[in-house]
PDB file of all heavy atoms in Angstrom:
ATOM      1  N   ALA A   1     -22.759 -14.052  51.336  1.00  0.00           N
ATOM      2  CA  ALA A   1     -24.117 -13.722  51.717  1.00  0.00           C
ATOM      3  C   ALA A   1     -24.192 -12.538  52.716  1.00  0.00           C
ATOM      4  O   ALA A   1     -25.184 -11.814  52.793  1.00  0.00           O
ATOM      5  CB  ALA A   1     -24.810 -14.977  52.357  1.00  0.00           C
ATOM      6  N   ALA A   2     -23.096 -12.445  53.536  1.00  0.00           N
ATOM      7  CA  ALA A   2     -23.028 -11.365  54.502  1.00  0.00           C
ATOM      8  C   ALA A   2     -22.424 -10.132  53.920  1.00  0.00           C
ATOM      9  O   ALA A   2     -22.136  -9.096  54.675  1.00  0.00           O
ATOM     10  CB  ALA A   2     -22.186 -11.849  55.675  1.00  0.00           C
ATOM     11  N   GLY A   3     -22.078 -10.135  52.659  1.00  0.00           N
ATOM     12  CA  GLY A   3     -21.519  -9.019  51.983  1.00  0.00           C
ATOM     13  C   GLY A   3     -20.062  -8.675  52.325  1.00  0.00           C
ATOM     14  O   GLY A   3     -19.723  -7.513  52.396  1.00  0.00           O
ATOM     15  N   ALA A   4     -19.333  -9.760  52.536  1.00  0.00           N
ATOM     16  CA  ALA A   4     -17.885  -9.674  52.909  1.00  0.00           C
ATOM     17  C   ALA A   4     -17.035 -10.472  52.123  1.00  0.00           C
ATOM     18  O   ALA A   4     -17.419 -11.497  51.651  1.00  0.00           O
ATOM     19  CB  ALA A   4     -17.712  -9.935  54.457  1.00  0.00           C
ATOM     20  N   PRO A   5     -15.733 -10.002  51.844  1.00  0.00           N
ATOM     21  CA  PRO A   5     -14.786 -10.852  51.053  1.00  0.00           C
ATOM     22  C   PRO A   5     -14.185 -11.987  52.036  1.00  0.00           C
ATOM     23  O   PRO A   5     -14.286 -11.903  53.221  1.00  0.00           O
ATOM     24  CB  PRO A   5     -13.732  -9.827  50.696  1.00  0.00           C
ATOM     25  CG  PRO A   5     -13.750  -8.868  51.769  1.00  0.00           C
ATOM     26  CD  PRO A   5     -15.167  -8.747  52.193  1.00  0.00           C
ATOM     27  N   ALA A   6     -13.765 -13.024  51.257  1.00  0.00           N
ATOM     28  CA  ALA A   6     -13.212 -14.258  51.969  1.00  0.00           C
ATOM     29  C   ALA A   6     -11.716 -14.019  52.182  1.00  0.00           C
ATOM     30  O   ALA A   6     -10.891 -14.644  51.486  1.00  0.00           O
ATOM     31  CB  ALA A   6     -13.540 -15.410  51.161  1.00  0.00           C
ATOM     32  N   THR A   7     -11.345 -13.165  53.040  1.00  0.00           N
ATOM     33  CA  THR A   7      -9.935 -12.935  53.448  1.00  0.00           C
ATOM     34  C   THR A   7      -9.507 -13.987  54.501  1.00  0.00           C
ATOM     35  O   THR A   7     -10.512 -14.561  55.150  1.00  0.00           O
ATOM     36  CB  THR A   7      -9.673 -11.539  53.949  1.00  0.00           C
ATOM     37  OG1 THR A   7     -10.390 -11.364  55.140  1.00  0.00           O
ATOM     38  CG2 THR A   7     -10.178 -10.464  52.954  1.00  0.00           C
ATOM     39  N   PRO A   8      -8.284 -14.197  54.822  1.00  0.00           N
ATOM     40  CA  PRO A   8      -7.886 -15.081  55.832  1.00  0.00           C
ATOM     41  C   PRO A   8      -8.539 -14.694  57.161  1.00  0.00           C
ATOM     42  O   PRO A   8      -9.009 -15.536  57.938  1.00  0.00           O
ATOM     43  CB  PRO A   8      -6.390 -14.983  55.878  1.00  0.00           C
ATOM     44  CG  PRO A   8      -6.000 -14.691  54.517  1.00  0.00           C
ATOM     45  CD  PRO A   8      -7.065 -13.838  53.975  1.00  0.00           C
ATOM     46  N   ARG A   9      -8.605 -13.459  57.473  1.00  0.00           N
ATOM     47  CA  ARG A   9      -9.127 -12.957  58.722  1.00  0.00           C
ATOM     48  C   ARG A   9     -10.639 -13.244  58.737  1.00  0.00           C
ATOM     49  O   ARG A   9     -11.157 -13.735  59.757  1.00  0.00           O
ATOM     50  CB  ARG A   9      -8.857 -11.456  58.908  1.00  0.00           C
ATOM     51  CG  ARG A   9      -9.322 -10.869  60.265  1.00  0.00           C
ATOM     52  CD  ARG A   9      -8.832  -9.459  60.286  1.00  0.00           C
ATOM     53  NE  ARG A   9      -9.678  -8.650  61.284  1.00  0.00           N
ATOM     54  CZ  ARG A   9      -9.304  -8.412  62.419  1.00  0.00           C
ATOM     55  NH1 ARG A   9      -8.112  -8.863  62.892  1.00  0.00           N
ATOM     56  NH2 ARG A   9      -9.995  -7.630  63.319  1.00  0.00           N
ATOM     57  N   SER A  10     -11.326 -12.872  57.672  1.00  0.00           N
ATOM     58  CA  SER A  10     -12.821 -13.047  57.692  1.00  0.00           C
ATOM     59  C   SER A  10     -13.198 -14.535  57.638  1.00  0.00           C
ATOM     60  O   SER A  10     -14.224 -14.955  58.180  1.00  0.00           O
ATOM     61  CB  SER A  10     -13.434 -12.329  56.408  1.00  0.00           C
ATOM     62  OG  SER A  10     -13.012 -12.897  55.249  1.00  0.00           O
ATOM     63  N   LEU A  11     -12.338 -15.380  57.000  1.00  0.00           N
ATOM     64  CA  LEU A  11     -12.668 -16.872  57.053  1.00  0.00           C
ATOM     65  C   LEU A  11     -12.590 -17.443  58.497  1.00  0.00           C
ATOM     66  O   LEU A  11     -13.414 -18.247  58.857  1.00  0.00           O
ATOM     67  CB  LEU A  11     -11.698 -17.534  56.108  1.00  0.00           C
ATOM     68  CG  LEU A  11     -11.774 -17.420  54.658  1.00  0.00           C
ATOM     69  CD1 LEU A  11     -10.599 -18.012  53.963  1.00  0.00           C
ATOM     70  CD2 LEU A  11     -13.094 -18.259  54.230  1.00  0.00           C
ATOM     71  N   ILE A  12     -11.631 -16.869  59.268  1.00  0.00           N
ATOM     72  CA  ILE A  12     -11.540 -17.318  60.703  1.00  0.00           C
ATOM     73  C   ILE A  12     -12.743 -16.787  61.513  1.00  0.00           C
ATOM     74  O   ILE A  12     -13.306 -17.653  62.215  1.00  0.00           O
ATOM     75  CB  ILE A  12     -10.234 -16.811  61.241  1.00  0.00           C
ATOM     76  CG1 ILE A  12      -8.994 -17.588  60.733  1.00  0.00           C
ATOM     77  CG2 ILE A  12     -10.222 -16.969  62.803  1.00  0.00           C
ATOM     78  CD1 ILE A  12      -8.917 -19.032  61.253  1.00  0.00           C
ATOM     79  N   ILE A  13     -13.073 -15.592  61.180  1.00  0.00           N
ATOM     80  CA  ILE A  13     -14.287 -14.984  61.826  1.00  0.00           C
ATOM     81  C   ILE A  13     -15.448 -15.812  61.569  1.00  0.00           C
ATOM     82  O   ILE A  13     -16.228 -16.142  62.453  1.00  0.00           O
ATOM     83  CB  ILE A  13     -14.508 -13.484  61.514  1.00  0.00           C
ATOM     84  CG1 ILE A  13     -13.333 -12.611  62.052  1.00  0.00           C
ATOM     85  CG2 ILE A  13     -15.857 -13.016  61.989  1.00  0.00           C
ATOM     86  CD1 ILE A  13     -13.352 -11.213  61.530  1.00  0.00           C
ATOM     87  N   ALA A  14     -15.675 -16.257  60.309  1.00  0.00           N
ATOM     88  CA  ALA A  14     -16.834 -17.020  59.882  1.00  0.00           C
ATOM     89  C   ALA A  14     -16.863 -18.368  60.531  1.00  0.00           C
ATOM     90  O   ALA A  14     -17.861 -18.894  60.923  1.00  0.00           O
ATOM     91  CB  ALA A  14     -16.910 -17.049  58.348  1.00  0.00           C
ATOM     92  N   ALA A  15     -15.623 -18.963  60.567  1.00  0.00           N
ATOM     93  CA  ALA A  15     -15.544 -20.305  61.209  1.00  0.00           C
ATOM     94  C   ALA A  15     -15.849 -20.250  62.645  1.00  0.00           C
ATOM     95  O   ALA A  15     -16.565 -21.062  63.186  1.00  0.00           O
ATOM     96  CB  ALA A  15     -14.155 -20.930  60.955  1.00  0.00           C
ATOM     97  N   LEU A  16     -15.320 -19.297  63.381  1.00  0.00           N
ATOM     98  CA  LEU A  16     -15.655 -19.086  64.832  1.00  0.00           C
ATOM     99  C   LEU A  16     -17.090 -18.814  65.012  1.00  0.00           C
ATOM    100  O   LEU A  16     -17.695 -19.318  65.996  1.00  0.00           O
ATOM    101  CB  LEU A  16     -14.728 -17.994  65.394  1.00  0.00           C
ATOM    102  CG  LEU A  16     -13.267 -18.324  65.488  1.00  0.00           C
ATOM    103  CD1 LEU A  16     -12.481 -17.062  65.902  1.00  0.00           C
ATOM    104  CD2 LEU A  16     -12.948 -19.439  66.418  1.00  0.00           C
ATOM    105  N   ALA A  17     -17.728 -18.061  64.139  1.00  0.00           N
ATOM    106  CA  ALA A  17     -19.050 -17.631  64.259  1.00  0.00           C
ATOM    107  C   ALA A  17     -19.996 -18.831  64.236  1.00  0.00           C
ATOM    108  O   ALA A  17     -21.161 -18.816  64.753  1.00  0.00           O
ATOM    109  CB  ALA A  17     -19.402 -16.603  63.233  1.00  0.00           C
ATOM    110  N   SER A  18     -19.547 -19.844  63.460  1.00  0.00           N
ATOM    111  CA  SER A  18     -20.448 -21.058  63.368  1.00  0.00           C
ATOM    112  C   SER A  18     -20.435 -21.940  64.591  1.00  0.00           C
ATOM    113  O   SER A  18     -21.193 -22.937  64.669  1.00  0.00           O
ATOM    114  CB  SER A  18     -20.015 -21.852  61.995  1.00  0.00           C
ATOM    115  OG  SER A  18     -18.751 -22.415  62.278  1.00  0.00           O
ATOM    116  N   GLU A  19     -19.503 -21.562  65.457  1.00  0.00           N
ATOM    117  CA  GLU A  19     -19.333 -22.482  66.681  1.00  0.00           C
ATOM    118  C   GLU A  19     -19.527 -21.734  67.975  1.00  0.00           C
ATOM    119  O   GLU A  19     -19.787 -22.337  69.033  1.00  0.00           O
ATOM    120  CB  GLU A  19     -17.868 -23.029  66.768  1.00  0.00           C
ATOM    121  CG  GLU A  19     -17.403 -23.748  65.454  1.00  0.00           C
ATOM    122  CD  GLU A  19     -15.907 -23.920  65.319  1.00  0.00           C
ATOM    123  OE1 GLU A  19     -15.231 -23.367  66.206  1.00  0.00           O
ATOM    124  OE2 GLU A  19     -15.422 -24.642  64.494  1.00  0.00           O
ATOM    125  N   GLN A  20     -19.446 -20.418  67.945  1.00  0.00           N
ATOM    126  CA  GLN A  20     -19.444 -19.596  69.204  1.00  0.00           C
ATOM    127  C   GLN A  20     -20.346 -18.455  69.092  1.00  0.00           C
ATOM    128  O   GLN A  20     -20.687 -18.014  68.013  1.00  0.00           O
ATOM    129  CB  GLN A  20     -17.983 -19.096  69.561  1.00  0.00           C
ATOM    130  CG  GLN A  20     -17.063 -20.238  69.693  1.00  0.00           C
ATOM    131  CD  GLN A  20     -15.642 -19.698  69.807  1.00  0.00           C
ATOM    132  OE1 GLN A  20     -15.384 -18.437  69.878  1.00  0.00           O
ATOM    133  NE2 GLN A  20     -14.620 -20.532  69.774  1.00  0.00           N
ATOM    134  N   ALA A  21     -20.755 -17.943  70.255  1.00  0.00           N
ATOM    135  CA  ALA A  21     -21.588 -16.683  70.276  1.00  0.00           C
ATOM    136  C   ALA A  21     -20.859 -15.556  69.809  1.00  0.00           C
ATOM    137  O   ALA A  21     -19.581 -15.436  69.788  1.00  0.00           O
ATOM    138  CB  ALA A  21     -22.115 -16.525  71.654  1.00  0.00           C
ATOM    139  N   VAL A  22     -21.602 -14.482  69.305  1.00  0.00           N
ATOM    140  CA  VAL A  22     -21.029 -13.322  68.707  1.00  0.00           C
ATOM    141  C   VAL A  22     -19.956 -12.553  69.707  1.00  0.00           C
ATOM    142  O   VAL A  22     -18.865 -12.297  69.316  1.00  0.00           O
ATOM    143  CB  VAL A  22     -22.072 -12.343  68.325  1.00  0.00           C
ATOM    144  CG1 VAL A  22     -21.422 -10.921  67.997  1.00  0.00           C
ATOM    145  CG2 VAL A  22     -22.844 -12.874  67.115  1.00  0.00           C
ATOM    146  N   ASP A  23     -20.413 -12.491  70.935  1.00  0.00           N
ATOM    147  CA  ASP A  23     -19.498 -11.838  71.874  1.00  0.00           C
ATOM    148  C   ASP A  23     -18.310 -12.594  72.165  1.00  0.00           C
ATOM    149  O   ASP A  23     -17.222 -12.064  72.288  1.00  0.00           O
ATOM    150  CB  ASP A  23     -20.286 -11.567  73.213  1.00  0.00           C
ATOM    151  CG  ASP A  23     -21.361 -10.576  73.084  1.00  0.00           C
ATOM    152  OD1 ASP A  23     -21.265  -9.680  72.107  1.00  0.00           O
ATOM    153  OD2 ASP A  23     -22.229 -10.408  73.957  1.00  0.00           O
ATOM    154  N   GLU A  24     -18.463 -13.919  72.120  1.00  0.00           N
ATOM    155  CA  GLU A  24     -17.166 -14.680  72.385  1.00  0.00           C
ATOM    156  C   GLU A  24     -16.188 -14.628  71.190  1.00  0.00           C
ATOM    157  O   GLU A  24     -14.982 -14.560  71.418  1.00  0.00           O
ATOM    158  CB  GLU A  24     -17.636 -16.202  72.573  1.00  0.00           C
ATOM    159  CG  GLU A  24     -16.451 -17.173  72.788  1.00  0.00           C
ATOM    160  CD  GLU A  24     -15.664 -16.927  74.024  1.00  0.00           C
ATOM    161  OE1 GLU A  24     -16.196 -16.290  74.947  1.00  0.00           O
ATOM    162  OE2 GLU A  24     -14.476 -17.168  74.000  1.00  0.00           O
ATOM    163  N   VAL A  25     -16.726 -14.527  70.001  1.00  0.00           N
ATOM    164  CA  VAL A  25     -15.892 -14.381  68.831  1.00  0.00           C
ATOM    165  C   VAL A  25     -15.189 -13.034  68.918  1.00  0.00           C
ATOM    166  O   VAL A  25     -13.923 -12.925  68.709  1.00  0.00           O
ATOM    167  CB  VAL A  25     -16.715 -14.414  67.528  1.00  0.00           C
ATOM    168  CG1 VAL A  25     -15.732 -14.186  66.361  1.00  0.00           C
ATOM    169  CG2 VAL A  25     -17.342 -15.874  67.352  1.00  0.00           C
ATOM    170  N   ALA A  26     -15.927 -12.043  69.319  1.00  0.00           N
ATOM    171  CA  ALA A  26     -15.295 -10.688  69.382  1.00  0.00           C
ATOM    172  C   ALA A  26     -14.256 -10.589  70.429  1.00  0.00           C
ATOM    173  O   ALA A  26     -13.255  -9.937  70.213  1.00  0.00           O
ATOM    174  CB  ALA A  26     -16.406  -9.692  69.724  1.00  0.00           C
ATOM    175  N   ARG A  27     -14.378 -11.334  71.464  1.00  0.00           N
ATOM    176  CA  ARG A  27     -13.389 -11.401  72.514  1.00  0.00           C
ATOM    177  C   ARG A  27     -12.048 -11.946  72.012  1.00  0.00           C
ATOM    178  O   ARG A  27     -10.968 -11.584  72.587  1.00  0.00           O
ATOM    179  CB  ARG A  27     -13.843 -12.030  73.756  1.00  0.00           C
ATOM    180  CG  ARG A  27     -14.760 -11.318  74.650  1.00  0.00           C
ATOM    181  CD  ARG A  27     -14.920 -11.987  76.038  1.00  0.00           C
ATOM    182  NE  ARG A  27     -15.669 -13.065  76.014  1.00  0.00           N
ATOM    183  CZ  ARG A  27     -17.020 -13.149  76.111  1.00  0.00           C
ATOM    184  NH1 ARG A  27     -17.647 -12.023  76.289  1.00  0.00           N
ATOM    185  NH2 ARG A  27     -17.702 -14.348  76.011  1.00  0.00           N
ATOM    186  N   ARG A  28     -12.055 -12.881  71.014  1.00  0.00           N
ATOM    187  CA  ARG A  28     -10.857 -13.335  70.508  1.00  0.00           C
ATOM    188  C   ARG A  28     -10.040 -12.333  69.710  1.00  0.00           C
ATOM    189  O   ARG A  28      -8.830 -12.476  69.529  1.00  0.00           O
ATOM    190  CB  ARG A  28     -11.203 -14.577  69.481  1.00  0.00           C
ATOM    191  CG  ARG A  28     -11.924 -15.722  70.246  1.00  0.00           C
ATOM    192  CD  ARG A  28     -11.126 -16.425  71.229  1.00  0.00           C
ATOM    193  NE  ARG A  28     -11.798 -17.436  71.928  1.00  0.00           N
ATOM    194  CZ  ARG A  28     -11.726 -18.671  71.621  1.00  0.00           C
ATOM    195  NH1 ARG A  28     -10.875 -19.072  70.548  1.00  0.00           N
ATOM    196  NH2 ARG A  28     -12.278 -19.632  72.270  1.00  0.00           N
ATOM    197  N   PHE A  29     -10.660 -11.318  69.285  1.00  0.00           N
ATOM    198  CA  PHE A  29     -10.011 -10.150  68.558  1.00  0.00           C
ATOM    199  C   PHE A  29      -9.906  -9.090  69.514  1.00  0.00           C
ATOM    200  O   PHE A  29     -10.584  -8.030  69.455  1.00  0.00           O
ATOM    201  CB  PHE A  29     -10.846  -9.849  67.333  1.00  0.00           C
ATOM    202  CG  PHE A  29     -10.861 -10.927  66.296  1.00  0.00           C
ATOM    203  CD1 PHE A  29     -11.725 -11.987  66.437  1.00  0.00           C
ATOM    204  CD2 PHE A  29      -9.977 -10.862  65.186  1.00  0.00           C
ATOM    205  CE1 PHE A  29     -11.736 -13.009  65.540  1.00  0.00           C
ATOM    206  CE2 PHE A  29     -10.111 -11.939  64.231  1.00  0.00           C
ATOM    207  CZ  PHE A  29     -10.928 -12.958  64.421  1.00  0.00           C
ATOM    208  N   ASP A  30      -8.926  -9.206  70.477  1.00  0.00           N
ATOM    209  CA  ASP A  30      -8.846  -8.304  71.674  1.00  0.00           C
ATOM    210  C   ASP A  30      -7.766  -7.161  71.459  1.00  0.00           C
ATOM    211  O   ASP A  30      -7.597  -6.326  72.304  1.00  0.00           O
ATOM    212  CB  ASP A  30      -8.606  -9.025  72.902  1.00  0.00           C
ATOM    213  CG  ASP A  30      -7.270  -9.939  72.858  1.00  0.00           C
ATOM    214  OD1 ASP A  30      -6.609  -9.767  71.910  1.00  0.00           O
ATOM    215  OD2 ASP A  30      -7.120 -10.608  73.915  1.00  0.00           O
ATOM    216  N   GLY A  31      -6.915  -7.301  70.359  1.00  0.00           N
ATOM    217  CA  GLY A  31      -5.922  -6.336  70.205  1.00  0.00           C
ATOM    218  C   GLY A  31      -4.712  -6.318  71.160  1.00  0.00           C
ATOM    219  O   GLY A  31      -3.918  -5.408  71.323  1.00  0.00           O
ATOM    220  N   SER A  32      -4.666  -7.492  71.827  1.00  0.00           N
ATOM    221  CA  SER A  32      -3.532  -7.741  72.731  1.00  0.00           C
ATOM    222  C   SER A  32      -2.270  -7.837  72.074  1.00  0.00           C
ATOM    223  O   SER A  32      -2.188  -7.896  70.786  1.00  0.00           O
ATOM    224  CB  SER A  32      -3.805  -9.015  73.672  1.00  0.00           C
ATOM    225  OG  SER A  32      -4.037 -10.140  72.819  1.00  0.00           O
ATOM    226  N   ARG A  33      -1.204  -7.918  72.781  1.00  0.00           N
ATOM    227  CA  ARG A  33       0.098  -7.832  72.196  1.00  0.00           C
ATOM    228  C   ARG A  33       0.343  -8.981  71.075  1.00  0.00           C
ATOM    229  O   ARG A  33       0.897  -8.698  70.000  1.00  0.00           O
ATOM    230  CB  ARG A  33       1.237  -8.124  73.263  1.00  0.00           C
ATOM    231  CG  ARG A  33       2.602  -8.077  72.698  1.00  0.00           C
ATOM    232  CD  ARG A  33       3.633  -8.295  73.839  1.00  0.00           C
ATOM    233  NE  ARG A  33       5.021  -8.362  73.308  1.00  0.00           N
ATOM    234  CZ  ARG A  33       6.071  -8.705  74.079  1.00  0.00           C
ATOM    235  NH1 ARG A  33       5.883  -9.023  75.335  1.00  0.00           N
ATOM    236  NH2 ARG A  33       7.292  -8.687  73.477  1.00  0.00           N
ATOM    237  N   PHE A  34      -0.055 -10.123  71.332  1.00  0.00           N
ATOM    238  CA  PHE A  34       0.057 -11.251  70.297  1.00  0.00           C
ATOM    239  C   PHE A  34      -1.306 -11.699  69.666  1.00  0.00           C
ATOM    240  O   PHE A  34      -1.319 -12.588  68.925  1.00  0.00           O
ATOM    241  CB  PHE A  34       0.748 -12.366  70.960  1.00  0.00           C
ATOM    242  CG  PHE A  34       2.081 -12.223  71.602  1.00  0.00           C
ATOM    243  CD1 PHE A  34       2.307 -12.212  72.876  1.00  0.00           C
ATOM    244  CD2 PHE A  34       3.187 -11.944  70.657  1.00  0.00           C
ATOM    245  CE1 PHE A  34       3.594 -11.820  73.394  1.00  0.00           C
ATOM    246  CE2 PHE A  34       4.412 -11.735  71.086  1.00  0.00           C
ATOM    247  CZ  PHE A  34       4.660 -11.657  72.545  1.00  0.00           C
ATOM    248  N   GLY A  35      -2.333 -10.934  69.960  1.00  0.00           N
ATOM    249  CA  GLY A  35      -3.579 -11.245  69.398  1.00  0.00           C
ATOM    250  C   GLY A  35      -4.015 -10.376  68.198  1.00  0.00           C
ATOM    251  O   GLY A  35      -3.157  -9.553  67.806  1.00  0.00           O
ATOM    252  N   PRO A  36      -5.030 -10.720  67.526  1.00  0.00           N
ATOM    253  CA  PRO A  36      -5.448  -9.965  66.365  1.00  0.00           C
ATOM    254  C   PRO A  36      -6.001  -8.641  66.717  1.00  0.00           C
ATOM    255  O   PRO A  36      -6.468  -8.488  67.848  1.00  0.00           O
ATOM    256  CB  PRO A  36      -6.471 -10.890  65.678  1.00  0.00           C
ATOM    257  CG  PRO A  36      -7.067 -11.736  66.748  1.00  0.00           C
ATOM    258  CD  PRO A  36      -5.949 -11.868  67.869  1.00  0.00           C
ATOM    259  N   ALA A  37      -6.069  -7.705  65.708  1.00  0.00           N
ATOM    260  CA  ALA A  37      -6.585  -6.409  66.024  1.00  0.00           C
ATOM    261  C   ALA A  37      -8.081  -6.529  66.333  1.00  0.00           C
ATOM    262  O   ALA A  37      -8.693  -7.413  65.724  1.00  0.00           O
ATOM    263  CB  ALA A  37      -6.393  -5.516  64.784  1.00  0.00           C
ATOM    264  N   PRO A  38      -8.674  -5.587  67.045  1.00  0.00           N
ATOM    265  CA  PRO A  38     -10.128  -5.650  67.359  1.00  0.00           C
ATOM    266  C   PRO A  38     -10.867  -5.625  66.040  1.00  0.00           C
ATOM    267  O   PRO A  38     -10.467  -5.084  65.066  1.00  0.00           O
ATOM    268  CB  PRO A  38     -10.348  -4.426  68.221  1.00  0.00           C
ATOM    269  CG  PRO A  38      -8.981  -4.172  68.779  1.00  0.00           C
ATOM    270  CD  PRO A  38      -8.015  -4.499  67.814  1.00  0.00           C
ATOM    271  N   LEU A  39     -12.180  -6.184  66.251  1.00  0.00           N
ATOM    272  CA  LEU A  39     -13.074  -5.963  64.975  1.00  0.00           C
ATOM    273  C   LEU A  39     -13.475  -4.580  64.769  1.00  0.00           C
ATOM    274  O   LEU A  39     -13.658  -3.875  65.685  1.00  0.00           O
ATOM    275  CB  LEU A  39     -14.362  -6.852  65.197  1.00  0.00           C
ATOM    276  CG  LEU A  39     -14.200  -8.338  65.563  1.00  0.00           C
ATOM    277  CD1 LEU A  39     -15.546  -8.976  65.847  1.00  0.00           C
ATOM    278  CD2 LEU A  39     -13.543  -9.041  64.353  1.00  0.00           C
ATOM    279  N   ASP A  40     -13.357  -4.116  63.510  1.00  0.00           N
ATOM    280  CA  ASP A  40     -13.821  -2.866  63.260  1.00  0.00           C
ATOM    281  C   ASP A  40     -15.385  -2.868  63.068  1.00  0.00           C
ATOM    282  O   ASP A  40     -15.963  -3.896  63.166  1.00  0.00           O
ATOM    283  CB  ASP A  40     -13.191  -2.214  61.997  1.00  0.00           C
ATOM    284  CG  ASP A  40     -13.356  -3.034  60.718  1.00  0.00           C
ATOM    285  OD1 ASP A  40     -14.315  -3.867  60.665  1.00  0.00           O
ATOM    286  OD2 ASP A  40     -12.455  -3.023  59.844  1.00  0.00           O
ATOM    287  N   GLU A  41     -15.973  -1.688  62.697  1.00  0.00           N
ATOM    288  CA  GLU A  41     -17.436  -1.611  62.714  1.00  0.00           C
ATOM    289  C   GLU A  41     -17.917  -2.533  61.477  1.00  0.00           C
ATOM    290  O   GLU A  41     -19.016  -3.128  61.744  1.00  0.00           O
ATOM    291  CB  GLU A  41     -17.872  -0.282  62.380  1.00  0.00           C
ATOM    292  CG  GLU A  41     -17.680   0.624  63.575  1.00  0.00           C
ATOM    293  CD  GLU A  41     -18.214   2.155  63.319  1.00  0.00           C
ATOM    294  OE1 GLU A  41     -18.950   2.309  62.382  1.00  0.00           O
ATOM    295  OE2 GLU A  41     -17.916   3.006  64.135  1.00  0.00           O
ATOM    296  N   ALA A  42     -17.307  -2.582  60.336  1.00  0.00           N
ATOM    297  CA  ALA A  42     -17.742  -3.461  59.336  1.00  0.00           C
ATOM    298  C   ALA A  42     -17.682  -4.928  59.701  1.00  0.00           C
ATOM    299  O   ALA A  42     -18.589  -5.666  59.411  1.00  0.00           O
ATOM    300  CB  ALA A  42     -16.893  -3.149  58.004  1.00  0.00           C
ATOM    301  N   GLU A  43     -16.606  -5.231  60.305  1.00  0.00           N
ATOM    302  CA  GLU A  43     -16.492  -6.665  60.822  1.00  0.00           C
ATOM    303  C   GLU A  43     -17.529  -7.058  61.803  1.00  0.00           C
ATOM    304  O   GLU A  43     -18.003  -8.207  61.788  1.00  0.00           O
ATOM    305  CB  GLU A  43     -15.042  -6.960  61.249  1.00  0.00           C
ATOM    306  CG  GLU A  43     -14.020  -6.875  60.202  1.00  0.00           C
ATOM    307  CD  GLU A  43     -12.648  -7.068  60.710  1.00  0.00           C
ATOM    308  OE1 GLU A  43     -12.359  -6.578  61.841  1.00  0.00           O
ATOM    309  OE2 GLU A  43     -11.658  -7.600  60.031  1.00  0.00           O
ATOM    310  N   ARG A  44     -17.779  -6.197  62.765  1.00  0.00           N
ATOM    311  CA  ARG A  44     -18.772  -6.427  63.756  1.00  0.00           C
ATOM    312  C   ARG A  44     -20.193  -6.617  63.105  1.00  0.00           C
ATOM    313  O   ARG A  44     -20.923  -7.451  63.468  1.00  0.00           O
ATOM    314  CB  ARG A  44     -18.808  -5.323  64.826  1.00  0.00           C
ATOM    315  CG  ARG A  44     -19.732  -5.606  65.851  1.00  0.00           C
ATOM    316  CD  ARG A  44     -19.234  -6.788  66.768  1.00  0.00           C
ATOM    317  NE  ARG A  44     -20.352  -7.330  67.613  1.00  0.00           N
ATOM    318  CZ  ARG A  44     -20.198  -7.518  68.881  1.00  0.00           C
ATOM    319  NH1 ARG A  44     -18.954  -7.403  69.410  1.00  0.00           N
ATOM    320  NH2 ARG A  44     -21.162  -8.001  69.610  1.00  0.00           N
ATOM    321  N   ALA A  45     -20.416  -5.798  62.164  1.00  0.00           N
ATOM    322  CA  ALA A  45     -21.750  -5.929  61.451  1.00  0.00           C
ATOM    323  C   ALA A  45     -21.738  -7.174  60.676  1.00  0.00           C
ATOM    324  O   ALA A  45     -22.842  -7.888  60.643  1.00  0.00           O
ATOM    325  CB  ALA A  45     -21.902  -4.740  60.446  1.00  0.00           C
ATOM    326  N   MET A  46     -20.657  -7.537  60.019  1.00  0.00           N
ATOM    327  CA  MET A  46     -20.507  -8.834  59.263  1.00  0.00           C
ATOM    328  C   MET A  46     -20.752 -10.019  60.249  1.00  0.00           C
ATOM    329  O   MET A  46     -21.477 -11.007  59.897  1.00  0.00           O
ATOM    330  CB  MET A  46     -19.150  -8.971  58.653  1.00  0.00           C
ATOM    331  CG  MET A  46     -18.882 -10.253  57.997  1.00  0.00           C
ATOM    332  SD  MET A  46     -17.168 -10.487  57.503  1.00  0.00           S
ATOM    333  CE  MET A  46     -16.410 -10.791  59.227  1.00  0.00           C
TER     334      MET A  46
END
């Protein structure tokens, strides 16, 4: 419905989005050494 494929990364984003605010979800993708890469523009829009 959001126009995105169901990849492992996007499934986690969708699961977190159902529980947390947008900014909090984005902070989990911080690009830190052991963390996931930051959200790109398409993912932020999603």
